[in-house]
Amino acid sequence: MNPLQSVFGSYGILPGDALRAAEAFRQISLKKGEFFLQEGHVQDKAGFLVSGWAHFFSLTEQGDSVTTYFAGPGRFIASLSSFLFRAPARESIRMATDAVLLEISGDAFRRLRTEIPGFDRLYVSLLEYQISCIETSRFDMISLSPAERYRKLLREDPKLTGLMSVQDLASLLGITPRHLSRLRKPGR
C-alpha cells in the first residue's frame, strides 16, 4: 500500500479516492546533498517524504546559509509561497540524508483538490499545520532564550542534532556556532 493512502484515509477520503489521489504522485529518490528545490526557481511540485530528511535554507547577500526548517519522514515538503503563488522561491530544499519522496506536480495537486471529495480538507489541514509551525517558531524565537530553544529541540526532535551540522543547527536556533558549542557542553 502506498503510504499516502493511509494519510488520505485519515482525512476521511474514501479508499478508492485515496488510491486515485496516491497514484497522482510518483516516487523519486534523492541522495544526500541533492536539491528538491533551489532558491530563485519556481516550485511547481510538492513532495511527501517517505524516508529521509530535508533541509530548508536560504542564502544571505553575504553568502551565509540560514536554516529555516528541517522535515522528516511523513511530512509534505514544498516552498509554500512558491508552490501556491508560482513565485520564485526564497529558499532551497536540499536533502540532509538519502531520501525517498512521493512527488506531485502543482497542476495534479490542484486537480485533486477539485476532483477528490475530502482532498480540499487535507489541503486546508496542511496549511493550518504550516501556519501553526510558523507561529510557534516565531514565538519561540522571541520568547525563549537560546538555551531554552536548544533544550526544546532536544526534547522534540532529538534525531536532528545527529543529522545537522553545527552551523545548520546554530542557524536554526538563531545563534552562533560558538554559542551552540557552549550550550552543548556537559553540565549546561
N, C-alpha and C. Protein backbone atom coordinates (compact mmCIF):
# COMPACT_ATOMS: atom_id res chain seq x y z
N MET A 1 0.84 -1.19 0.00
CA MET A 1 0.00 0.00 0.00
C MET A 1 0.89 1.25 0.00
N ASN A 2 0.56 2.19 -0.83
CA ASN A 2 1.23 3.48 -0.88
C ASN A 2 1.01 4.19 0.46
N PRO A 3 2.08 4.71 1.10
CA PRO A 3 1.91 5.34 2.42
C PRO A 3 0.93 6.51 2.41
N LEU A 4 0.74 7.12 1.27
CA LEU A 4 -0.20 8.25 1.20
C LEU A 4 -1.65 7.81 1.33
N GLN A 5 -1.95 6.57 0.94
CA GLN A 5 -3.33 6.10 1.05
C GLN A 5 -3.82 6.18 2.49
N SER A 6 -2.99 5.78 3.44
CA SER A 6 -3.42 5.83 4.85
C SER A 6 -3.49 7.29 5.33
N VAL A 7 -2.57 8.15 4.86
CA VAL A 7 -2.64 9.57 5.21
C VAL A 7 -3.96 10.14 4.71
N PHE A 8 -4.28 9.88 3.44
CA PHE A 8 -5.51 10.41 2.87
C PHE A 8 -6.74 9.83 3.58
N GLY A 9 -6.69 8.55 3.90
CA GLY A 9 -7.80 7.91 4.61
C GLY A 9 -8.05 8.55 5.97
N SER A 10 -6.98 9.00 6.63
CA SER A 10 -7.14 9.62 7.95
C SER A 10 -7.88 10.96 7.87
N TYR A 11 -8.00 11.51 6.67
CA TYR A 11 -8.75 12.76 6.46
C TYR A 11 -10.14 12.47 5.90
N GLY A 12 -10.56 11.21 5.95
CA GLY A 12 -11.90 10.85 5.53
C GLY A 12 -12.07 10.64 4.05
N ILE A 13 -10.96 10.58 3.32
CA ILE A 13 -11.05 10.32 1.89
C ILE A 13 -11.32 8.83 1.70
N LEU A 14 -12.32 8.52 0.93
CA LEU A 14 -12.73 7.12 0.74
C LEU A 14 -11.60 6.31 0.08
N PRO A 15 -11.52 5.00 0.37
CA PRO A 15 -10.41 4.18 -0.12
C PRO A 15 -10.14 4.29 -1.63
N GLY A 16 -11.17 4.24 -2.45
CA GLY A 16 -10.97 4.35 -3.90
C GLY A 16 -10.40 5.71 -4.30
N ASP A 17 -10.90 6.77 -3.67
CA ASP A 17 -10.40 8.11 -3.94
C ASP A 17 -8.98 8.28 -3.40
N ALA A 18 -8.71 7.66 -2.23
CA ALA A 18 -7.36 7.74 -1.65
C ALA A 18 -6.35 7.06 -2.58
N LEU A 19 -6.73 5.94 -3.16
CA LEU A 19 -5.86 5.24 -4.11
C LEU A 19 -5.64 6.11 -5.35
N ARG A 20 -6.72 6.68 -5.87
CA ARG A 20 -6.61 7.54 -7.06
C ARG A 20 -5.71 8.75 -6.78
N ALA A 21 -5.85 9.36 -5.61
CA ALA A 21 -5.02 10.51 -5.24
C ALA A 21 -3.56 10.08 -5.10
N ALA A 22 -3.33 8.94 -4.45
CA ALA A 22 -1.96 8.45 -4.24
C ALA A 22 -1.29 8.15 -5.58
N GLU A 23 -2.06 7.68 -6.55
CA GLU A 23 -1.50 7.36 -7.87
C GLU A 23 -1.07 8.60 -8.65
N ALA A 24 -1.50 9.79 -8.21
CA ALA A 24 -1.09 11.04 -8.87
C ALA A 24 0.34 11.43 -8.48
N PHE A 25 0.89 10.76 -7.48
CA PHE A 25 2.25 11.01 -7.02
C PHE A 25 3.19 10.01 -7.68
N ARG A 26 4.42 10.42 -7.93
CA ARG A 26 5.41 9.47 -8.45
C ARG A 26 6.59 9.42 -7.48
N GLN A 27 7.16 8.25 -7.34
CA GLN A 27 8.27 8.07 -6.40
C GLN A 27 9.58 8.52 -7.04
N ILE A 28 10.36 9.26 -6.26
CA ILE A 28 11.71 9.65 -6.67
C ILE A 28 12.65 9.39 -5.51
N SER A 29 13.90 9.21 -5.83
CA SER A 29 14.94 9.06 -4.82
C SER A 29 15.95 10.18 -5.01
N LEU A 30 16.32 10.81 -3.92
CA LEU A 30 17.34 11.85 -3.95
C LEU A 30 18.44 11.49 -2.97
N LYS A 31 19.66 11.73 -3.36
CA LYS A 31 20.82 11.45 -2.50
C LYS A 31 21.05 12.64 -1.57
N LYS A 32 21.75 12.37 -0.49
CA LYS A 32 22.15 13.43 0.43
C LYS A 32 22.86 14.53 -0.37
N GLY A 33 22.43 15.77 -0.16
CA GLY A 33 23.03 16.91 -0.85
C GLY A 33 22.31 17.32 -2.13
N GLU A 34 21.44 16.45 -2.66
CA GLU A 34 20.69 16.81 -3.87
C GLU A 34 19.55 17.76 -3.50
N PHE A 35 19.22 18.62 -4.45
CA PHE A 35 18.17 19.61 -4.24
C PHE A 35 16.81 19.11 -4.71
N PHE A 36 15.79 19.39 -3.92
CA PHE A 36 14.40 19.24 -4.34
C PHE A 36 13.94 20.56 -4.94
N LEU A 37 14.53 21.65 -4.47
CA LEU A 37 14.23 22.99 -4.97
C LEU A 37 15.43 23.88 -4.71
N GLN A 38 15.74 24.75 -5.67
CA GLN A 38 16.80 25.74 -5.48
C GLN A 38 16.19 27.13 -5.42
N GLU A 39 16.70 27.92 -4.49
CA GLU A 39 16.27 29.30 -4.31
C GLU A 39 16.26 30.02 -5.66
N GLY A 40 15.21 30.81 -5.89
CA GLY A 40 15.10 31.57 -7.14
C GLY A 40 14.29 30.86 -8.21
N HIS A 41 14.11 29.56 -8.09
CA HIS A 41 13.29 28.81 -9.05
C HIS A 41 11.85 28.76 -8.55
N VAL A 42 10.92 28.57 -9.47
CA VAL A 42 9.51 28.44 -9.11
C VAL A 42 9.25 26.97 -8.78
N GLN A 43 8.63 26.74 -7.64
CA GLN A 43 8.31 25.37 -7.21
C GLN A 43 6.98 24.97 -7.81
N ASP A 44 6.99 24.00 -8.72
CA ASP A 44 5.74 23.51 -9.28
C ASP A 44 5.53 22.04 -8.94
N LYS A 45 6.02 21.67 -7.77
CA LYS A 45 5.81 20.31 -7.29
C LYS A 45 5.87 20.34 -5.77
N ALA A 46 5.22 19.38 -5.19
CA ALA A 46 5.28 19.18 -3.74
C ALA A 46 5.72 17.74 -3.52
N GLY A 47 6.27 17.49 -2.37
CA GLY A 47 6.74 16.14 -2.09
C GLY A 47 6.25 15.65 -0.74
N PHE A 48 6.21 14.35 -0.60
CA PHE A 48 5.92 13.69 0.67
C PHE A 48 7.12 12.82 0.97
N LEU A 49 7.75 13.06 2.12
CA LEU A 49 8.94 12.29 2.50
C LEU A 49 8.53 10.92 3.03
N VAL A 50 8.87 9.89 2.29
CA VAL A 50 8.65 8.53 2.74
C VAL A 50 9.76 8.16 3.71
N SER A 51 10.99 8.53 3.35
CA SER A 51 12.14 8.32 4.23
C SER A 51 13.14 9.45 3.97
N GLY A 52 13.96 9.70 4.95
CA GLY A 52 14.98 10.73 4.82
C GLY A 52 14.55 12.07 5.41
N TRP A 53 15.49 13.02 5.33
CA TRP A 53 15.28 14.34 5.91
C TRP A 53 15.62 15.41 4.90
N ALA A 54 14.85 16.51 4.93
CA ALA A 54 15.06 17.64 4.04
C ALA A 54 15.45 18.87 4.86
N HIS A 55 16.39 19.64 4.33
CA HIS A 55 16.91 20.85 4.95
C HIS A 55 16.44 22.06 4.14
N PHE A 56 15.70 22.95 4.76
CA PHE A 56 15.23 24.18 4.13
C PHE A 56 16.16 25.30 4.56
N PHE A 57 16.65 26.07 3.59
CA PHE A 57 17.57 27.16 3.94
C PHE A 57 17.57 28.21 2.85
N SER A 58 18.07 29.38 3.19
CA SER A 58 18.27 30.44 2.19
C SER A 58 19.65 31.01 2.40
N LEU A 59 20.12 31.73 1.40
CA LEU A 59 21.44 32.36 1.47
C LEU A 59 21.28 33.87 1.62
N THR A 60 22.07 34.43 2.52
CA THR A 60 22.06 35.87 2.71
C THR A 60 22.85 36.52 1.57
N GLU A 61 22.79 37.85 1.49
CA GLU A 61 23.57 38.56 0.48
C GLU A 61 25.07 38.31 0.64
N GLN A 62 25.50 37.99 1.87
CA GLN A 62 26.91 37.69 2.13
C GLN A 62 27.26 36.24 1.82
N GLY A 63 26.26 35.45 1.42
CA GLY A 63 26.51 34.06 1.07
C GLY A 63 26.41 33.09 2.24
N ASP A 64 25.96 33.57 3.40
CA ASP A 64 25.80 32.69 4.57
C ASP A 64 24.48 31.93 4.46
N SER A 65 24.50 30.68 4.86
CA SER A 65 23.31 29.84 4.85
C SER A 65 22.51 30.06 6.13
N VAL A 66 21.20 30.28 5.96
CA VAL A 66 20.31 30.45 7.10
C VAL A 66 19.27 29.33 7.05
N THR A 67 19.32 28.45 8.04
CA THR A 67 18.39 27.32 8.09
C THR A 67 17.03 27.80 8.57
N THR A 68 15.98 27.42 7.84
CA THR A 68 14.63 27.82 8.22
C THR A 68 13.78 26.66 8.73
N TYR A 69 14.13 25.42 8.34
CA TYR A 69 13.27 24.30 8.71
C TYR A 69 13.97 23.00 8.35
N PHE A 70 13.64 21.94 9.07
CA PHE A 70 14.02 20.58 8.73
C PHE A 70 12.75 19.74 8.74
N ALA A 71 12.59 18.85 7.78
CA ALA A 71 11.41 17.99 7.71
C ALA A 71 11.87 16.54 7.58
N GLY A 72 11.14 15.65 8.25
CA GLY A 72 11.49 14.24 8.23
C GLY A 72 10.37 13.39 7.65
N PRO A 73 10.52 12.08 7.78
CA PRO A 73 9.55 11.15 7.21
C PRO A 73 8.12 11.45 7.64
N GLY A 74 7.20 11.32 6.66
CA GLY A 74 5.80 11.56 6.95
C GLY A 74 5.37 13.00 6.80
N ARG A 75 6.26 13.85 6.31
CA ARG A 75 5.95 15.28 6.13
C ARG A 75 5.87 15.63 4.65
N PHE A 76 4.97 16.53 4.33
CA PHE A 76 4.91 17.10 3.00
C PHE A 76 5.93 18.24 2.93
N ILE A 77 6.60 18.38 1.78
CA ILE A 77 7.59 19.44 1.65
C ILE A 77 7.35 20.24 0.37
N ALA A 78 7.52 21.53 0.50
CA ALA A 78 7.45 22.47 -0.63
C ALA A 78 7.79 23.84 -0.07
N SER A 79 8.25 24.72 -0.93
CA SER A 79 8.35 26.13 -0.58
C SER A 79 6.94 26.66 -0.79
N LEU A 80 6.22 26.83 0.29
CA LEU A 80 4.79 27.08 0.22
C LEU A 80 4.42 28.28 -0.64
N SER A 81 5.06 29.42 -0.43
CA SER A 81 4.72 30.62 -1.21
C SER A 81 4.98 30.40 -2.70
N SER A 82 6.08 29.75 -3.01
CA SER A 82 6.42 29.48 -4.40
C SER A 82 5.41 28.52 -5.02
N PHE A 83 5.06 27.47 -4.30
CA PHE A 83 4.12 26.47 -4.80
C PHE A 83 2.72 27.05 -5.00
N LEU A 84 2.26 27.85 -4.03
CA LEU A 84 0.90 28.38 -4.10
C LEU A 84 0.76 29.52 -5.10
N PHE A 85 1.76 30.40 -5.14
CA PHE A 85 1.64 31.62 -5.94
C PHE A 85 2.52 31.63 -7.18
N ARG A 86 3.23 30.52 -7.42
CA ARG A 86 4.11 30.36 -8.59
C ARG A 86 5.11 31.51 -8.68
N ALA A 87 5.67 31.85 -7.54
CA ALA A 87 6.69 32.91 -7.45
C ALA A 87 8.05 32.25 -7.23
N PRO A 88 9.13 32.95 -7.55
CA PRO A 88 10.45 32.38 -7.27
C PRO A 88 10.62 32.08 -5.78
N ALA A 89 11.17 30.94 -5.49
CA ALA A 89 11.34 30.51 -4.09
C ALA A 89 12.40 31.36 -3.39
N ARG A 90 12.13 31.66 -2.14
CA ARG A 90 13.08 32.41 -1.32
C ARG A 90 13.99 31.47 -0.53
N GLU A 91 13.80 30.17 -0.73
CA GLU A 91 14.59 29.18 0.00
C GLU A 91 14.90 28.00 -0.91
N SER A 92 15.88 27.23 -0.49
CA SER A 92 16.22 25.98 -1.16
C SER A 92 15.80 24.83 -0.25
N ILE A 93 15.55 23.69 -0.87
CA ILE A 93 15.28 22.46 -0.12
C ILE A 93 16.27 21.42 -0.61
N ARG A 94 17.17 21.01 0.28
CA ARG A 94 18.21 20.05 -0.06
C ARG A 94 18.09 18.87 0.89
N MET A 95 18.37 17.69 0.39
CA MET A 95 18.27 16.50 1.22
C MET A 95 19.43 16.45 2.23
N ALA A 96 19.08 16.30 3.48
CA ALA A 96 20.07 16.18 4.55
C ALA A 96 20.57 14.73 4.65
N THR A 97 19.79 13.80 4.12
CA THR A 97 20.14 12.38 4.06
C THR A 97 19.63 11.86 2.72
N ASP A 98 20.00 10.64 2.37
CA ASP A 98 19.36 10.00 1.23
C ASP A 98 17.86 9.95 1.53
N ALA A 99 17.04 10.15 0.51
CA ALA A 99 15.60 10.24 0.76
C ALA A 99 14.80 9.61 -0.37
N VAL A 100 13.63 9.10 -0.01
CA VAL A 100 12.63 8.64 -0.96
C VAL A 100 11.43 9.55 -0.77
N LEU A 101 10.97 10.13 -1.88
CA LEU A 101 9.84 11.04 -1.84
C LEU A 101 8.77 10.59 -2.82
N LEU A 102 7.55 10.98 -2.53
CA LEU A 102 6.47 10.86 -3.48
C LEU A 102 6.18 12.29 -3.90
N GLU A 103 6.25 12.56 -5.20
CA GLU A 103 6.16 13.93 -5.70
C GLU A 103 4.94 14.07 -6.59
N ILE A 104 4.35 15.28 -6.54
CA ILE A 104 3.18 15.59 -7.35
C ILE A 104 3.36 16.97 -7.97
N SER A 105 2.92 17.11 -9.21
CA SER A 105 3.00 18.42 -9.87
C SER A 105 1.94 19.35 -9.29
N GLY A 106 2.16 20.63 -9.44
CA GLY A 106 1.19 21.61 -8.96
C GLY A 106 -0.16 21.45 -9.65
N ASP A 107 -0.14 21.21 -10.97
CA ASP A 107 -1.39 21.03 -11.71
C ASP A 107 -2.17 19.82 -11.21
N ALA A 108 -1.47 18.71 -11.00
CA ALA A 108 -2.14 17.50 -10.50
C ALA A 108 -2.68 17.72 -9.09
N PHE A 109 -1.92 18.43 -8.27
CA PHE A 109 -2.37 18.73 -6.90
C PHE A 109 -3.65 19.57 -6.94
N ARG A 110 -3.68 20.61 -7.76
CA ARG A 110 -4.86 21.46 -7.87
C ARG A 110 -6.06 20.68 -8.43
N ARG A 111 -5.80 19.77 -9.35
CA ARG A 111 -6.87 18.93 -9.91
C ARG A 111 -7.47 18.04 -8.81
N LEU A 112 -6.61 17.46 -7.96
CA LEU A 112 -7.13 16.60 -6.88
C LEU A 112 -8.02 17.39 -5.92
N ARG A 113 -7.69 18.65 -5.71
CA ARG A 113 -8.49 19.49 -4.80
C ARG A 113 -9.92 19.63 -5.30
N THR A 114 -10.12 19.61 -6.61
CA THR A 114 -11.48 19.77 -7.15
C THR A 114 -12.16 18.43 -7.44
N GLU A 115 -11.37 17.38 -7.69
CA GLU A 115 -11.95 16.10 -8.12
C GLU A 115 -12.19 15.10 -6.99
N ILE A 116 -11.42 15.19 -5.93
CA ILE A 116 -11.50 14.18 -4.86
C ILE A 116 -12.19 14.78 -3.63
N PRO A 117 -13.36 14.26 -3.28
CA PRO A 117 -14.02 14.76 -2.07
C PRO A 117 -13.11 14.55 -0.84
N GLY A 118 -12.94 15.57 -0.07
CA GLY A 118 -12.10 15.48 1.13
C GLY A 118 -10.68 15.93 0.92
N PHE A 119 -10.21 15.98 -0.34
CA PHE A 119 -8.82 16.38 -0.57
C PHE A 119 -8.60 17.84 -0.20
N ASP A 120 -9.63 18.66 -0.42
CA ASP A 120 -9.51 20.07 -0.04
C ASP A 120 -9.39 20.21 1.47
N ARG A 121 -10.06 19.33 2.22
CA ARG A 121 -9.95 19.33 3.69
C ARG A 121 -8.51 18.99 4.10
N LEU A 122 -7.90 18.04 3.43
CA LEU A 122 -6.49 17.71 3.66
C LEU A 122 -5.62 18.93 3.39
N TYR A 123 -5.86 19.60 2.28
CA TYR A 123 -5.11 20.79 1.89
C TYR A 123 -5.21 21.87 2.97
N VAL A 124 -6.41 22.14 3.44
CA VAL A 124 -6.60 23.15 4.48
C VAL A 124 -5.89 22.73 5.77
N SER A 125 -5.96 21.47 6.11
CA SER A 125 -5.26 20.98 7.32
C SER A 125 -3.75 21.15 7.20
N LEU A 126 -3.21 20.88 6.01
CA LEU A 126 -1.76 21.08 5.80
C LEU A 126 -1.39 22.55 5.95
N LEU A 127 -2.20 23.43 5.40
CA LEU A 127 -1.94 24.86 5.54
C LEU A 127 -2.02 25.30 7.00
N GLU A 128 -3.02 24.80 7.71
CA GLU A 128 -3.16 25.14 9.13
C GLU A 128 -1.96 24.66 9.92
N TYR A 129 -1.48 23.47 9.60
CA TYR A 129 -0.30 22.94 10.29
C TYR A 129 0.92 23.83 10.03
N GLN A 130 1.11 24.24 8.78
CA GLN A 130 2.24 25.11 8.45
C GLN A 130 2.15 26.45 9.16
N ILE A 131 0.96 27.03 9.19
CA ILE A 131 0.77 28.30 9.89
C ILE A 131 1.08 28.14 11.36
N SER A 132 0.64 27.05 11.95
CA SER A 132 0.91 26.78 13.36
C SER A 132 2.42 26.63 13.61
N CYS A 133 3.12 25.93 12.71
CA CYS A 133 4.58 25.77 12.85
C CYS A 133 5.28 27.12 12.77
N ILE A 134 4.86 27.96 11.83
CA ILE A 134 5.47 29.28 11.67
C ILE A 134 5.22 30.12 12.92
N GLU A 135 4.00 30.08 13.43
CA GLU A 135 3.66 30.85 14.62
C GLU A 135 4.47 30.38 15.83
N THR A 136 4.59 29.07 16.00
CA THR A 136 5.36 28.52 17.11
C THR A 136 6.82 28.91 17.01
N SER A 137 7.38 28.80 15.81
CA SER A 137 8.78 29.16 15.59
C SER A 137 9.01 30.64 15.90
N ARG A 138 8.13 31.49 15.41
CA ARG A 138 8.25 32.93 15.65
C ARG A 138 8.15 33.23 17.15
N PHE A 139 7.18 32.63 17.82
CA PHE A 139 7.01 32.84 19.25
C PHE A 139 8.24 32.36 20.02
N ASP A 140 8.75 31.18 19.67
CA ASP A 140 9.92 30.63 20.35
C ASP A 140 11.14 31.54 20.18
N MET A 141 11.34 32.08 18.98
CA MET A 141 12.50 32.95 18.74
C MET A 141 12.41 34.23 19.57
N ILE A 142 11.20 34.69 19.82
CA ILE A 142 11.01 35.93 20.56
C ILE A 142 11.03 35.68 22.08
N SER A 143 10.41 34.61 22.52
CA SER A 143 10.17 34.44 23.95
C SER A 143 11.10 33.47 24.67
N LEU A 144 11.79 32.60 23.95
CA LEU A 144 12.67 31.64 24.61
C LEU A 144 14.13 32.06 24.46
N SER A 145 14.90 31.77 25.47
CA SER A 145 16.34 32.02 25.40
C SER A 145 16.97 30.98 24.47
N PRO A 146 18.18 31.22 23.99
CA PRO A 146 18.85 30.20 23.16
C PRO A 146 18.94 28.84 23.87
N ALA A 147 19.24 28.85 25.16
CA ALA A 147 19.34 27.58 25.90
C ALA A 147 17.98 26.87 25.93
N GLU A 148 16.91 27.63 26.10
CA GLU A 148 15.57 27.03 26.12
C GLU A 148 15.20 26.48 24.73
N ARG A 149 15.56 27.22 23.67
CA ARG A 149 15.28 26.72 22.31
C ARG A 149 16.04 25.43 22.04
N TYR A 150 17.30 25.36 22.50
CA TYR A 150 18.11 24.16 22.31
C TYR A 150 17.50 22.98 23.07
N ARG A 151 17.13 23.19 24.33
CA ARG A 151 16.52 22.11 25.12
C ARG A 151 15.20 21.64 24.48
N LYS A 152 14.42 22.59 23.96
CA LYS A 152 13.16 22.23 23.30
C LYS A 152 13.44 21.37 22.07
N LEU A 153 14.45 21.74 21.28
CA LEU A 153 14.82 20.94 20.11
C LEU A 153 15.23 19.53 20.53
N LEU A 154 16.04 19.42 21.57
CA LEU A 154 16.47 18.10 22.05
C LEU A 154 15.27 17.27 22.50
N ARG A 155 14.31 17.91 23.11
CA ARG A 155 13.12 17.21 23.61
C ARG A 155 12.20 16.80 22.46
N GLU A 156 11.99 17.67 21.49
CA GLU A 156 11.00 17.41 20.44
C GLU A 156 11.56 16.70 19.22
N ASP A 157 12.81 16.95 18.86
CA ASP A 157 13.42 16.35 17.67
C ASP A 157 14.86 15.93 17.94
N PRO A 158 15.08 15.00 18.85
CA PRO A 158 16.46 14.65 19.21
C PRO A 158 17.29 14.12 18.05
N LYS A 159 16.65 13.51 17.04
CA LYS A 159 17.40 12.98 15.90
C LYS A 159 18.08 14.08 15.10
N LEU A 160 17.49 15.27 15.12
CA LEU A 160 18.04 16.36 14.31
C LEU A 160 19.48 16.71 14.68
N THR A 161 19.80 16.63 15.95
CA THR A 161 21.15 17.03 16.35
C THR A 161 22.21 16.13 15.74
N GLY A 162 21.87 14.90 15.42
CA GLY A 162 22.81 13.99 14.78
C GLY A 162 22.85 14.15 13.26
N LEU A 163 21.81 14.75 12.70
CA LEU A 163 21.73 14.91 11.24
C LEU A 163 22.29 16.24 10.76
N MET A 164 22.24 17.23 11.62
CA MET A 164 22.58 18.59 11.21
C MET A 164 24.02 18.92 11.56
N SER A 165 24.62 19.74 10.71
CA SER A 165 25.94 20.26 11.04
C SER A 165 25.76 21.27 12.18
N VAL A 166 26.85 21.56 12.89
CA VAL A 166 26.80 22.56 13.96
C VAL A 166 26.33 23.89 13.40
N GLN A 167 26.81 24.25 12.20
CA GLN A 167 26.42 25.52 11.57
C GLN A 167 24.91 25.57 11.31
N ASP A 168 24.35 24.49 10.75
CA ASP A 168 22.92 24.46 10.44
C ASP A 168 22.07 24.46 11.71
N LEU A 169 22.50 23.71 12.71
CA LEU A 169 21.78 23.66 13.97
C LEU A 169 21.79 25.04 14.65
N ALA A 170 22.95 25.67 14.67
CA ALA A 170 23.04 27.01 15.25
C ALA A 170 22.15 27.99 14.50
N SER A 171 22.15 27.91 13.17
CA SER A 171 21.33 28.78 12.36
C SER A 171 19.85 28.58 12.65
N LEU A 172 19.42 27.33 12.78
CA LEU A 172 18.03 27.03 13.09
C LEU A 172 17.63 27.64 14.43
N LEU A 173 18.55 27.63 15.38
CA LEU A 173 18.28 28.16 16.72
C LEU A 173 18.47 29.67 16.81
N GLY A 174 19.02 30.28 15.76
CA GLY A 174 19.24 31.72 15.76
C GLY A 174 20.42 32.16 16.61
N ILE A 175 21.46 31.31 16.69
CA ILE A 175 22.65 31.63 17.48
C ILE A 175 23.90 31.32 16.66
N THR A 176 25.05 31.68 17.19
CA THR A 176 26.30 31.38 16.51
C THR A 176 26.74 29.95 16.84
N PRO A 177 27.56 29.34 15.98
CA PRO A 177 28.08 28.01 16.30
C PRO A 177 28.86 27.99 17.62
N ARG A 178 29.55 29.07 17.91
CA ARG A 178 30.31 29.15 19.16
C ARG A 178 29.37 29.10 20.37
N HIS A 179 28.26 29.85 20.29
CA HIS A 179 27.28 29.83 21.38
C HIS A 179 26.69 28.43 21.53
N LEU A 180 26.41 27.77 20.41
CA LEU A 180 25.87 26.41 20.45
C LEU A 180 26.87 25.47 21.12
N SER A 181 28.14 25.60 20.82
CA SER A 181 29.16 24.75 21.44
C SER A 181 29.14 24.90 22.95
N ARG A 182 28.95 26.12 23.42
CA ARG A 182 28.87 26.33 24.88
C ARG A 182 27.62 25.65 25.46
N LEU A 183 26.51 25.74 24.73
CA LEU A 183 25.26 25.12 25.22
C LEU A 183 25.37 23.60 25.26
N ARG A 184 26.15 23.03 24.37
CA ARG A 184 26.26 21.57 24.27
C ARG A 184 27.22 20.97 25.29
N LYS A 185 28.00 21.80 25.95
CA LYS A 185 28.96 21.29 26.93
C LYS A 185 28.21 20.62 28.07
N PRO A 186 28.76 19.51 28.58
CA PRO A 186 28.12 18.81 29.70
C PRO A 186 27.97 19.76 30.91
N GLY A 187 26.85 19.58 31.60
CA GLY A 187 26.60 20.37 32.80
C GLY A 187 25.84 21.66 32.51
N ARG A 188 25.52 21.93 31.26
CA ARG A 188 24.79 23.15 30.92
C ARG A 188 23.32 22.87 30.83
